Protein backbone atom coordinates (compact mmCIF):
# COMPACT_ATOMS: atom_id res chain seq x y z
CA MET A 1 -64.51 69.71 -169.83
CA PRO A 2 -63.67 66.14 -171.28
CA VAL A 3 -60.89 65.77 -173.08
CA ARG A 4 -61.84 64.29 -176.27
CA THR A 5 -59.80 62.64 -178.91
CA GLN A 6 -59.20 63.05 -182.72
CA ARG A 7 -62.21 60.54 -184.08
CA GLU A 8 -62.34 58.97 -187.59
CA ASN A 9 -65.02 57.98 -189.90
CA VAL A 10 -67.39 59.78 -187.88
CA PRO A 11 -70.33 60.58 -189.50
CA LYS A 12 -71.68 64.52 -188.96
CA SER A 13 -74.74 65.81 -189.84
CA ARG A 14 -74.55 69.28 -191.53
CA ASN A 15 -75.09 71.72 -188.39
CA SER A 16 -74.45 69.59 -185.96
CA GLY A 17 -70.99 71.69 -184.73
CA ASP A 18 -67.86 69.51 -183.84
CA TYR A 19 -70.42 66.22 -182.10
CA SER A 20 -73.31 63.99 -184.12
CA PRO A 21 -76.38 63.32 -182.10
CA GLN A 22 -74.98 60.27 -181.79
CA GLU A 23 -71.59 61.51 -179.94
CA ALA A 24 -73.79 63.74 -177.88
CA ILE A 25 -75.80 60.85 -176.25
CA ALA A 26 -72.81 58.68 -175.84
CA THR A 27 -71.06 61.68 -174.12
CA MET A 28 -74.42 61.86 -171.55
CA ALA A 29 -74.30 58.25 -171.13
CA GLY A 30 -70.43 58.12 -170.27
CA HIS A 31 -70.79 61.10 -167.74
CA GLY A 32 -73.56 58.62 -166.29
CA TYR A 33 -76.85 61.13 -167.46
CA ARG A 34 -79.67 58.47 -168.48
CA VAL A 35 -80.78 58.95 -171.70
CA THR A 36 -84.38 59.18 -172.39
CA ALA A 37 -86.97 59.25 -175.99
CA PRO A 38 -87.23 62.88 -174.99
CA ARG A 39 -83.55 63.96 -174.45
CA ARG A 40 -82.74 62.35 -177.84
CA ALA A 41 -85.22 64.60 -179.30
CA ILE A 42 -83.49 67.51 -177.97
CA ILE A 43 -80.40 66.74 -178.48
CA ALA A 44 -81.01 65.58 -182.45
CA SER A 45 -83.04 69.26 -182.13
CA ALA A 46 -80.27 71.37 -180.90
CA LEU A 47 -77.84 70.14 -183.10
CA ARG A 48 -79.66 71.11 -186.05
CA GLN A 49 -79.92 74.39 -185.31
CA GLU A 50 -77.72 76.46 -187.89
CA ARG A 51 -78.05 79.95 -185.50
CA PRO A 52 -77.68 80.41 -181.58
CA PHE A 53 -81.06 79.06 -180.15
CA THR A 54 -82.90 79.39 -176.85
CA ALA A 55 -83.93 77.01 -174.64
CA GLU A 56 -88.02 78.51 -174.88
CA GLN A 57 -86.96 78.55 -178.77
CA LEU A 58 -86.54 74.27 -178.48
CA VAL A 59 -89.53 73.94 -175.96
CA ALA A 60 -91.57 75.33 -178.69
CA GLU A 61 -90.50 72.76 -181.03
CA ALA A 62 -90.63 70.25 -179.05
CA ALA A 63 -94.31 70.81 -178.51
CA VAL A 64 -95.11 70.44 -181.84
CA ALA A 65 -92.83 67.24 -182.44
CA ALA A 66 -94.54 63.94 -181.50
CA GLY A 67 -92.89 62.66 -177.96
CA GLU A 68 -92.97 66.26 -176.81
CA SER A 69 -91.11 67.01 -173.99
CA GLY A 70 -91.46 69.37 -170.64
CA ARG A 71 -90.51 72.60 -170.21
CA SER A 72 -87.94 71.30 -167.06
CA THR A 73 -86.61 68.60 -169.33
CA VAL A 74 -85.24 70.89 -172.11
CA TYR A 75 -83.39 73.53 -169.83
CA ARG A 76 -81.84 70.73 -167.85
CA THR A 77 -80.45 68.64 -170.67
CA LEU A 78 -79.03 72.13 -172.63
CA GLU A 79 -77.52 72.71 -169.23
CA ILE A 80 -76.08 69.28 -169.36
CA LEU A 81 -74.99 69.33 -172.54
CA ALA A 82 -73.55 73.11 -171.78
CA SER A 83 -71.29 71.62 -168.94
CA LEU A 84 -70.06 68.93 -171.05
CA GLY A 85 -68.87 71.02 -174.06
CA VAL A 86 -71.23 69.88 -176.36
CA LEU A 87 -73.06 72.93 -176.74
CA SER A 88 -71.45 76.41 -175.68
CA ARG A 89 -74.06 78.69 -173.84
CA ILE A 90 -73.09 82.28 -174.95
CA LEU A 91 -74.88 85.34 -174.47
CA ASP A 92 -76.85 87.31 -176.99
CA GLY A 93 -76.86 90.89 -178.00
CA ALA A 94 -79.44 91.51 -175.51
CA GLY A 95 -78.06 89.70 -172.76
CA ARG A 96 -79.75 86.78 -172.65
CA PRO A 97 -78.74 83.34 -172.70
CA VAL A 98 -78.42 81.29 -176.23
CA TYR A 99 -76.88 78.07 -177.03
CA VAL A 100 -74.83 77.01 -179.97
CA ALA A 101 -73.31 74.19 -181.04
CA GLY A 102 -69.73 73.51 -180.40
CA ALA A 103 -66.19 71.75 -180.00
CA PRO A 104 -65.59 71.86 -175.88
CA VAL A 105 -62.59 73.92 -176.42
CA HIS A 106 -61.99 77.72 -175.18
CA ARG A 107 -63.91 79.68 -177.48
CA HIS A 108 -65.44 83.36 -177.86
CA HIS A 109 -67.98 84.49 -180.14
CA LEU A 110 -68.87 87.63 -182.71
CA VAL A 111 -72.24 87.93 -182.24
CA CYS A 112 -74.29 89.88 -185.19
CA ALA A 113 -77.16 92.01 -183.42
CA GLY A 114 -79.40 92.06 -186.70
CA CYS A 115 -79.30 88.90 -187.40
CA GLY A 116 -78.36 86.42 -184.05
CA THR A 117 -75.28 84.64 -185.70
CA ALA A 118 -72.16 83.38 -183.80
CA VAL A 119 -69.13 83.30 -185.06
CA PRO A 120 -66.37 81.41 -182.85
CA PHE A 121 -63.20 82.45 -182.57
CA ASN A 122 -60.47 80.23 -180.48
CA ALA A 123 -57.78 83.16 -180.07
CA CYS A 124 -58.34 84.37 -176.55
CA PRO A 125 -57.38 88.31 -175.77
CA VAL A 126 -58.40 87.88 -172.59
CA ALA A 127 -56.42 84.73 -171.48
CA ASP A 128 -53.28 87.51 -170.31
CA LEU A 129 -55.08 89.97 -168.53
CA ALA A 130 -57.25 87.37 -166.29
CA ALA A 131 -53.95 85.69 -165.63
CA THR A 132 -52.52 89.22 -164.38
CA LEU A 133 -55.79 89.82 -162.37
CA ALA A 134 -55.99 86.74 -160.63
CA ARG A 135 -52.19 86.99 -160.03
CA GLU A 136 -52.85 91.03 -158.46
CA ASN A 137 -55.74 89.89 -156.49
CA ASP A 138 -55.02 86.87 -155.19
CA PHE A 139 -58.00 85.19 -157.05
CA GLU A 140 -58.07 81.23 -158.92
CA VAL A 141 -60.06 81.94 -162.27
CA HIS A 142 -61.80 78.89 -162.99
CA GLY A 143 -62.93 80.52 -167.13
CA HIS A 144 -64.48 83.58 -168.90
CA LEU A 145 -66.39 84.23 -171.67
CA LEU A 146 -66.47 86.95 -174.09
CA GLU A 147 -68.85 87.46 -176.65
CA ILE A 148 -67.92 90.67 -178.92
CA PHE A 149 -71.65 92.28 -180.42
CA GLY A 150 -71.93 94.22 -183.45
CA THR A 151 -73.29 93.47 -187.29
CA CYS A 152 -72.09 91.37 -189.78
CA GLY A 153 -71.16 92.03 -193.21
CA ASP A 154 -74.64 90.52 -194.57
CA CYS A 155 -76.52 92.52 -192.50
CA ARG A 156 -74.91 95.71 -193.02
CA ALA A 157 -75.12 94.99 -196.96
CA SER A 158 -78.77 94.20 -196.66
CA ALA A 159 -79.09 97.77 -194.83
CA ARG A 160 -77.39 99.89 -197.76
């Protein structure tokens, strides 16, 4: 993941996580990716999402927007953004991949099975276990994912 320094006086949109669309575009360009008009639209749409979203949701959104983006462009752009740390790819309660805007740091999520909200947390209860397993099995760990599934307080309250 790229190393990021603290930014000053950079405006962020309300739901953009830690990147504004302009910063995400600059990050892509800085890593040698072409930044086309469809990719700009996909970036803006992805960073606008308030909840975890699928690539297909953005495909559907792009189909009704001006400057329509193809399915493969949406999928490729989301994968690039995830590889650069602009988005995180996590699994939802059904085991399907979804994306959330977030900082390029080691992060895990609590995922609500009711509304789909993903709450990030940085504490890593798996790090020590991964190091032990690697040592015991002569294995080099490159990373890991942890999503904890359950039901958020709002969904539990509305079910009462």
